[in-house]
Amino acid sequence: MARYKFKSVFADKIQNYINDKNSAGYNGANFRQNLISFDRFCTEQEIKEPVFTTYHASKWLEQRATESHTTHYSRINASKHFLKYLSIKGYDVYVVRDIKYKGTDFQPHIYTDTEVKNYFLAVDSHYSIINRKDAIQYPVLFRILYCCGTRINETLGIRKKDVDLDKGIILLNETKNDKQRYVVMGDDLLGLVNEYADKCFYLLNDDDYIFTNANGGRLDEKAIYEKHREFLFQAGIPYLGDGNGPRIHDWRHHMAVYSFKQMTDSGLDMYVTLPILSTYLGHKTIFATEKYVRLTLQLFPYIEEKFHLMVDRIFGSIVKEGDSNEID
């Protein structure tokens, strides 16, 4: 995948900022990643001059509906340092205020076997007169979320050229960390994707998204969230709302927990399972995978008895009880 290119009016200034950080001995790649969202925002707001007003700042400070406190905190505080840099350089920019970090004791929803069965009965029976393709694409889309633990944006960003039916793998390009990775499909999922490809891939160009709306464009995340709540209702799974789920992102948690359980049940040592799971999920380090490990230990006491000392040795007391962060 071609590396993201900054496109906003601040593009060259962002690159200069990154270069300055590199020269000062910092890892410029981290600053680059944090400013991609800012660059996209400035482009969407059609900012034509290198000016960042209080109006722009107020829009940028808003927490997005699908954004966790952790992501919101990271996004705003990273851009604040860049805006300070611009202000020192003499540009007319409003430097956004600090966002106070909010810890959370949120626990993702891990589905029971019955809930999984009922949820996918609802998915498989769905039919839409607005977009008849939904009847064949939703069973595939939601099973990729369930089986592969992909984030929703990564899943909706899959293009025809990213799907290798011969090798049974999918290349994810539109990832959170702007880093390509592969996910492997099991036999059942691969069979379903093959059936889906037979029905509609011949209509697509290589660069076309495989999941589309009625107009042939990329499916919108908001539409998928709405369908998710509809499927929960049909499956008899209470939706708590207000960020308490079950969220569509909880399918990622569900996959991670059961993958870790399956690997440890098969006899694999934790030192082997951790890097496998961390890499598959697209985490930068195994420390980002810690929450999934501890969640698995909570749900399955026999695994906790076997591995809790090892977990403490690997991760130490990075996260104290009652001070857990959003799981990614």
Protein backbone atom coordinates (compact mmCIF):
# COMPACT_ATOMS: atom_id res chain seq x y z
CA MET A 1 0.00 0.00 0.00
CA ALA A 2 1.24 3.48 -0.85
CA ARG A 3 2.14 5.40 2.26
CA TYR A 4 -0.39 8.01 3.31
CA LYS A 5 0.42 11.39 1.75
CA PHE A 6 -0.46 14.54 3.63
CA LYS A 7 -2.85 16.59 1.51
CA SER A 8 -4.07 19.50 3.62
CA VAL A 9 -2.83 23.08 3.55
CA PHE A 10 -0.59 22.08 6.49
CA ALA A 11 1.00 19.14 4.61
CA ASP A 12 4.48 20.62 4.18
CA LYS A 13 4.45 22.02 7.72
CA ILE A 14 3.53 18.61 9.13
CA GLN A 15 6.44 17.07 7.26
CA ASN A 16 8.80 19.78 8.52
CA TYR A 17 7.58 19.12 12.06
CA ILE A 18 8.26 15.41 11.69
CA ASN A 19 11.71 16.10 10.26
CA ASP A 20 12.50 18.40 13.19
CA LYS A 21 11.44 15.67 15.62
CA ASN A 22 13.64 13.15 13.83
CA SER A 23 16.58 15.55 14.00
CA ALA A 24 15.99 15.96 17.73
CA GLY A 25 16.28 12.20 18.22
CA TYR A 26 12.59 11.35 18.48
CA ASN A 27 10.80 8.67 16.48
CA GLY A 28 9.16 10.77 13.78
CA ALA A 29 6.97 7.85 12.70
CA ASN A 30 4.94 8.17 15.91
CA PHE A 31 4.29 11.87 15.31
CA ARG A 32 3.42 11.14 11.69
CA GLN A 33 0.77 8.58 12.62
CA ASN A 34 -0.85 10.91 15.13
CA LEU A 35 -1.14 13.74 12.60
CA ILE A 36 -2.77 11.76 9.79
CA SER A 37 -6.18 12.27 11.39
CA PHE A 38 -5.50 16.01 11.78
CA ASP A 39 -4.50 16.28 8.12
CA ARG A 40 -7.68 14.49 7.04
CA PHE A 41 -9.78 16.77 9.24
CA CYS A 42 -8.25 19.91 7.72
CA THR A 43 -8.90 18.54 4.24
CA GLU A 44 -12.52 17.71 5.06
CA GLN A 45 -13.03 21.19 6.55
CA GLU A 46 -11.66 22.68 3.30
CA ILE A 47 -9.15 24.87 5.12
CA LYS A 48 -7.44 26.75 2.29
CA GLU A 49 -5.03 28.97 4.25
CA PRO A 50 -2.60 27.91 7.04
CA VAL A 51 -4.97 29.25 9.69
CA PHE A 52 -6.62 27.20 12.44
CA THR A 53 -9.44 29.19 14.03
CA THR A 54 -11.39 28.70 17.26
CA TYR A 55 -14.23 27.35 15.10
CA HIS A 56 -11.95 24.69 13.62
CA ALA A 57 -10.63 23.93 17.09
CA SER A 58 -14.12 23.47 18.54
CA LYS A 59 -14.99 21.01 15.75
CA TRP A 60 -11.68 19.16 16.18
CA LEU A 61 -12.16 18.91 19.96
CA GLU A 62 -15.50 17.14 19.65
CA GLN A 63 -15.35 13.50 20.68
CA ARG A 64 -16.59 11.35 17.81
CA ALA A 65 -19.46 8.93 18.31
CA THR A 66 -17.26 5.91 17.58
CA GLU A 67 -14.19 7.23 19.45
CA SER A 68 -13.03 5.91 22.82
CA HIS A 69 -11.74 8.26 25.54
CA THR A 70 -8.23 6.90 24.95
CA THR A 71 -8.29 7.60 21.21
CA HIS A 72 -9.82 11.04 21.78
CA TYR A 73 -7.12 11.88 24.32
CA SER A 74 -4.35 10.71 21.98
CA ARG A 75 -5.74 12.52 18.92
CA ILE A 76 -6.18 15.92 20.60
CA ASN A 77 -3.01 15.99 22.69
CA ALA A 78 -0.83 14.97 19.75
CA SER A 79 -2.22 17.77 17.57
CA LYS A 80 -1.80 20.28 20.40
CA HIS A 81 1.99 19.96 20.20
CA PHE A 82 1.94 20.47 16.44
CA LEU A 83 -0.25 23.56 16.79
CA LYS A 84 2.18 24.94 19.38
CA TYR A 85 4.96 24.37 16.86
CA LEU A 86 3.02 26.35 14.23
CA SER A 87 2.29 29.14 16.68
CA ILE A 88 5.99 29.50 17.50
CA LYS A 89 6.67 29.66 13.76
CA GLY A 90 4.31 32.63 13.55
CA TYR A 91 1.22 31.03 12.01
CA ASP A 92 -2.25 32.18 13.01
CA VAL A 93 -3.45 29.05 14.78
CA TYR A 94 -5.52 28.43 17.86
CA VAL A 95 -3.73 25.96 20.14
CA VAL A 96 -6.27 23.48 21.46
CA ARG A 97 -6.48 22.84 25.19
CA ASP A 98 -5.44 19.67 26.94
CA ILE A 99 -7.88 16.79 27.09
CA LYS A 100 -7.99 15.19 30.51
CA TYR A 101 -7.37 11.47 30.37
CA LYS A 102 -10.32 9.41 31.55
CA GLY A 103 -9.61 5.91 32.66
CA THR A 104 -12.36 3.35 32.24
CA ASP A 105 -13.43 0.10 33.80
CA PHE A 106 -15.34 -0.82 30.66
CA GLN A 107 -15.63 -4.55 30.02
CA PRO A 108 -16.33 -5.68 26.45
CA HIS A 109 -19.16 -8.07 25.76
CA ILE A 110 -18.01 -11.64 25.15
CA TYR A 111 -20.84 -13.51 23.44
CA THR A 112 -22.19 -16.85 24.63
CA ASP A 113 -22.51 -19.70 22.13
CA THR A 114 -26.27 -19.16 22.04
CA GLU A 115 -25.88 -15.44 21.41
CA VAL A 116 -23.45 -16.10 18.54
CA LYS A 117 -25.90 -18.58 16.98
CA ASN A 118 -28.90 -16.25 17.30
CA TYR A 119 -26.96 -13.21 16.07
CA PHE A 120 -25.89 -14.90 12.86
CA LEU A 121 -29.37 -16.31 12.30
CA ALA A 122 -30.49 -12.68 12.24
CA VAL A 123 -27.62 -11.70 9.90
CA ASP A 124 -28.28 -14.57 7.51
CA SER A 125 -32.01 -13.85 7.28
CA HIS A 126 -31.58 -10.15 6.57
CA TYR A 127 -33.05 -8.75 3.36
CA SER A 128 -33.19 -5.17 2.10
CA ILE A 129 -35.22 -3.77 -0.77
CA ILE A 130 -32.90 -0.74 -0.84
CA ASN A 131 -29.74 -2.76 -1.43
CA ARG A 132 -30.43 -6.35 -2.42
CA LYS A 133 -26.72 -7.10 -2.19
CA ASP A 134 -27.00 -6.87 1.61
CA ALA A 135 -28.48 -10.37 1.74
CA ILE A 136 -25.22 -11.86 0.46
CA GLN A 137 -22.65 -9.35 1.72
CA TYR A 138 -23.70 -9.05 5.38
CA PRO A 139 -23.12 -12.76 6.18
CA VAL A 140 -19.59 -12.37 4.81
CA LEU A 141 -18.83 -8.98 6.36
CA PHE A 142 -19.97 -9.89 9.87
CA ARG A 143 -18.23 -13.28 9.77
CA ILE A 144 -14.95 -11.59 8.89
CA LEU A 145 -15.41 -9.42 12.00
CA TYR A 146 -16.24 -12.49 14.06
CA CYS A 147 -13.64 -14.91 12.67
CA CYS A 148 -10.72 -12.57 11.96
CA GLY A 149 -11.12 -9.92 14.67
CA THR A 150 -10.73 -7.08 12.21
CA ARG A 151 -11.74 -3.53 13.07
CA ILE A 152 -14.84 -2.29 11.23
CA ASN A 153 -12.91 0.32 9.21
CA GLU A 154 -10.36 -2.30 8.17
CA THR A 155 -13.15 -4.60 7.05
CA LEU A 156 -15.04 -1.98 5.06
CA GLY A 157 -11.73 -0.99 3.45
CA ILE A 158 -11.16 -4.39 1.81
CA ARG A 159 -10.87 -4.14 -1.97
CA LYS A 160 -11.17 -6.90 -4.54
CA LYS A 161 -7.40 -6.99 -5.10
CA ASP A 162 -6.85 -7.53 -1.35
CA VAL A 163 -8.59 -10.92 -1.31
CA ASP A 164 -6.42 -13.92 -2.26
CA LEU A 165 -8.85 -16.80 -2.66
CA ASP A 166 -6.10 -19.27 -3.58
CA LYS A 167 -4.08 -18.68 -0.40
CA GLY A 168 -7.10 -17.93 1.79
CA ILE A 169 -5.79 -14.59 3.04
CA ILE A 170 -6.95 -10.99 3.08
CA LEU A 171 -4.58 -8.03 2.97
CA LEU A 172 -5.72 -5.17 5.22
CA ASN A 173 -4.61 -1.76 4.00
CA GLU A 174 -6.82 0.78 5.77
CA THR A 175 -5.55 -0.02 9.25
CA LYS A 176 -5.48 1.97 12.46
CA ASN A 177 -1.69 2.08 12.60
CA ASP A 178 -1.29 2.73 8.86
CA LYS A 179 0.52 -0.61 8.55
CA GLN A 180 -0.47 -3.44 6.23
CA ARG A 181 -1.17 -6.86 7.65
CA TYR A 182 -2.66 -10.16 6.52
CA VAL A 183 -5.48 -12.12 8.12
CA VAL A 184 -5.98 -15.79 7.39
CA MET A 185 -9.43 -17.23 6.68
CA GLY A 186 -10.47 -20.59 8.06
CA ASP A 187 -11.97 -23.16 5.70
CA ASP A 188 -15.60 -22.30 6.49
CA LEU A 189 -15.07 -18.57 6.04
CA LEU A 190 -13.01 -19.10 2.89
CA GLY A 191 -15.81 -21.19 1.42
CA LEU A 192 -18.32 -18.42 2.15
CA VAL A 193 -16.05 -15.76 0.65
CA ASN A 194 -15.59 -17.92 -2.46
CA GLU A 195 -19.37 -18.14 -2.88
CA TYR A 196 -19.61 -14.38 -2.44
CA ALA A 197 -16.83 -13.82 -4.99
CA ASP A 198 -18.59 -16.04 -7.54
CA LYS A 199 -21.73 -13.93 -7.22
CA CYS A 200 -20.31 -10.41 -7.37
CA PHE A 201 -16.54 -10.12 -7.88
CA TYR A 202 -16.94 -10.23 -11.66
CA LEU A 203 -18.75 -6.88 -11.39
CA LEU A 204 -15.82 -5.24 -9.59
CA ASN A 205 -12.56 -3.70 -10.68
CA ASP A 206 -9.46 -4.60 -8.67
CA ASP A 207 -9.54 -1.30 -6.76
CA ASP A 208 -13.27 -1.50 -5.93
CA TYR A 209 -14.42 -2.16 -2.38
CA ILE A 210 -16.04 -5.58 -1.96
CA PHE A 211 -18.70 -4.31 0.46
CA THR A 212 -20.80 -1.59 -1.15
CA ASN A 213 -23.91 0.51 -0.69
CA ALA A 214 -26.80 0.73 -3.14
CA ASN A 215 -24.84 3.23 -5.26
CA GLY A 216 -21.78 1.02 -5.49
CA GLY A 217 -19.71 3.10 -3.07
CA ARG A 218 -17.95 2.03 0.13
CA LEU A 219 -20.32 0.97 2.90
CA ASP A 220 -20.63 3.52 5.68
CA GLU A 221 -19.67 2.60 9.26
CA LYS A 222 -22.79 4.29 10.64
CA ALA A 223 -25.02 2.03 8.53
CA ILE A 224 -23.23 -1.04 9.88
CA TYR A 225 -23.63 0.14 13.48
CA GLU A 226 -27.36 0.52 12.88
CA LYS A 227 -27.61 -2.98 11.39
CA HIS A 228 -25.63 -4.36 14.32
CA ARG A 229 -28.19 -3.00 16.78
CA GLU A 230 -30.97 -4.42 14.62
CA PHE A 231 -29.34 -7.86 14.67
CA LEU A 232 -28.87 -7.67 18.45
CA PHE A 233 -32.59 -6.96 18.87
CA GLN A 234 -33.59 -9.84 16.61
CA ALA A 235 -31.20 -12.15 18.47
CA GLY A 236 -32.67 -11.20 21.84
CA ILE A 237 -29.39 -9.67 23.05
CA PRO A 238 -30.00 -6.53 25.15
CA TYR A 239 -28.35 -3.40 23.78
CA LEU A 240 -27.31 -1.15 26.68
CA GLY A 241 -26.31 1.87 24.61
CA ASP A 242 -24.24 4.87 25.71
CA GLY A 243 -21.02 3.09 24.76
CA ASN A 244 -21.80 0.07 26.94
CA GLY A 245 -22.53 -2.23 24.03
CA PRO A 246 -22.57 -4.84 22.95
CA ARG A 247 -20.61 -2.85 20.40
CA ILE A 248 -19.63 -4.07 16.98
CA HIS A 249 -16.00 -3.77 18.14
CA ASP A 250 -16.75 -6.44 20.75
CA TRP A 251 -16.54 -9.07 18.00
CA ARG A 252 -12.83 -8.25 17.93
CA HIS A 253 -12.61 -8.80 21.68
CA HIS A 254 -14.56 -12.05 21.36
CA MET A 255 -12.21 -13.39 18.68
CA ALA A 256 -9.08 -12.40 20.63
CA VAL A 257 -10.24 -14.04 23.86
CA TYR A 258 -11.25 -17.31 22.23
CA SER A 259 -8.14 -17.40 20.03
CA PHE A 260 -5.95 -17.04 23.09
CA LYS A 261 -7.97 -19.71 24.88
CA GLN A 262 -7.74 -22.09 21.91
CA MET A 263 -3.98 -21.69 21.60
CA THR A 264 -3.34 -22.22 25.31
CA ASP A 265 -5.74 -25.19 25.40
CA SER A 266 -3.74 -26.76 22.57
CA GLY A 267 -0.62 -26.64 24.73
CA LEU A 268 1.13 -23.57 23.32
CA ASP A 269 3.19 -21.62 25.81
CA MET A 270 2.18 -18.02 26.49
CA TYR A 271 5.54 -16.79 25.19
CA VAL A 272 4.51 -18.29 21.84
CA THR A 273 0.84 -17.28 21.81
CA LEU A 274 1.35 -13.62 22.74
CA PRO A 275 3.38 -12.49 19.70
CA ILE A 276 1.12 -14.51 17.38
CA LEU A 277 -2.05 -12.89 18.69
CA SER A 278 -0.47 -9.44 18.92
CA THR A 279 0.73 -9.55 15.31
CA TYR A 280 -2.56 -10.92 14.01
CA LEU A 281 -4.51 -8.14 15.73
CA GLY A 282 -2.19 -5.47 14.34
CA HIS A 283 -0.89 -4.25 17.68
CA LYS A 284 2.40 -2.37 17.76
CA THR A 285 3.68 -4.32 20.78
CA ILE A 286 2.52 -7.22 22.94
CA PHE A 287 1.71 -4.71 25.68
CA ALA A 288 -1.28 -3.58 23.63
CA THR A 289 -2.50 -7.20 23.78
CA GLU A 290 -2.30 -7.37 27.57
CA LYS A 291 -5.94 -6.48 28.14
CA TYR A 292 -7.11 -9.42 26.03
CA VAL A 293 -4.90 -11.76 28.02
CA ARG A 294 -6.18 -10.53 31.37
CA LEU A 295 -9.77 -10.64 30.11
CA THR A 296 -9.29 -14.27 29.08
CA LEU A 297 -7.93 -15.07 32.53
CA GLN A 298 -10.99 -13.48 34.13
CA LEU A 299 -13.40 -15.50 32.00
CA PHE A 300 -11.64 -18.84 32.31
CA PRO A 301 -10.35 -19.47 35.84
CA TYR A 302 -8.45 -22.63 34.88
CA ILE A 303 -6.34 -20.56 32.47
CA GLU A 304 -5.84 -17.94 35.18
CA GLU A 305 -4.50 -20.61 37.56
CA LYS A 306 -2.04 -21.74 34.92
CA PHE A 307 -0.77 -18.42 33.60
CA HIS A 308 -1.39 -15.60 36.09
CA LEU A 309 2.17 -15.64 37.44
CA MET A 310 3.57 -15.59 33.92
CA VAL A 311 1.31 -12.67 32.96
CA ASP A 312 2.56 -10.70 35.95
CA ARG A 313 6.17 -11.45 35.02
CA ILE A 314 5.64 -10.33 31.41
CA PHE A 315 3.52 -7.25 32.00
CA GLY A 316 4.24 -6.40 35.61
CA SER A 317 1.78 -3.93 37.10
CA ILE A 318 1.36 -1.82 33.95
CA VAL A 319 -2.37 -1.57 34.56
CA LYS A 320 -3.64 -1.66 38.12
CA GLU A 321 -7.04 -3.04 38.95
CA GLY A 322 -9.75 -0.47 38.35
CA ASP A 323 -7.50 1.61 36.07
CA SER A 324 -7.83 -0.28 32.81
CA ASN A 325 -7.81 1.49 29.45
CA GLU A 326 -9.95 0.93 26.40
CA ILE A 327 -9.08 -2.37 24.73
CA ASP A 328 -8.15 -2.12 21.08
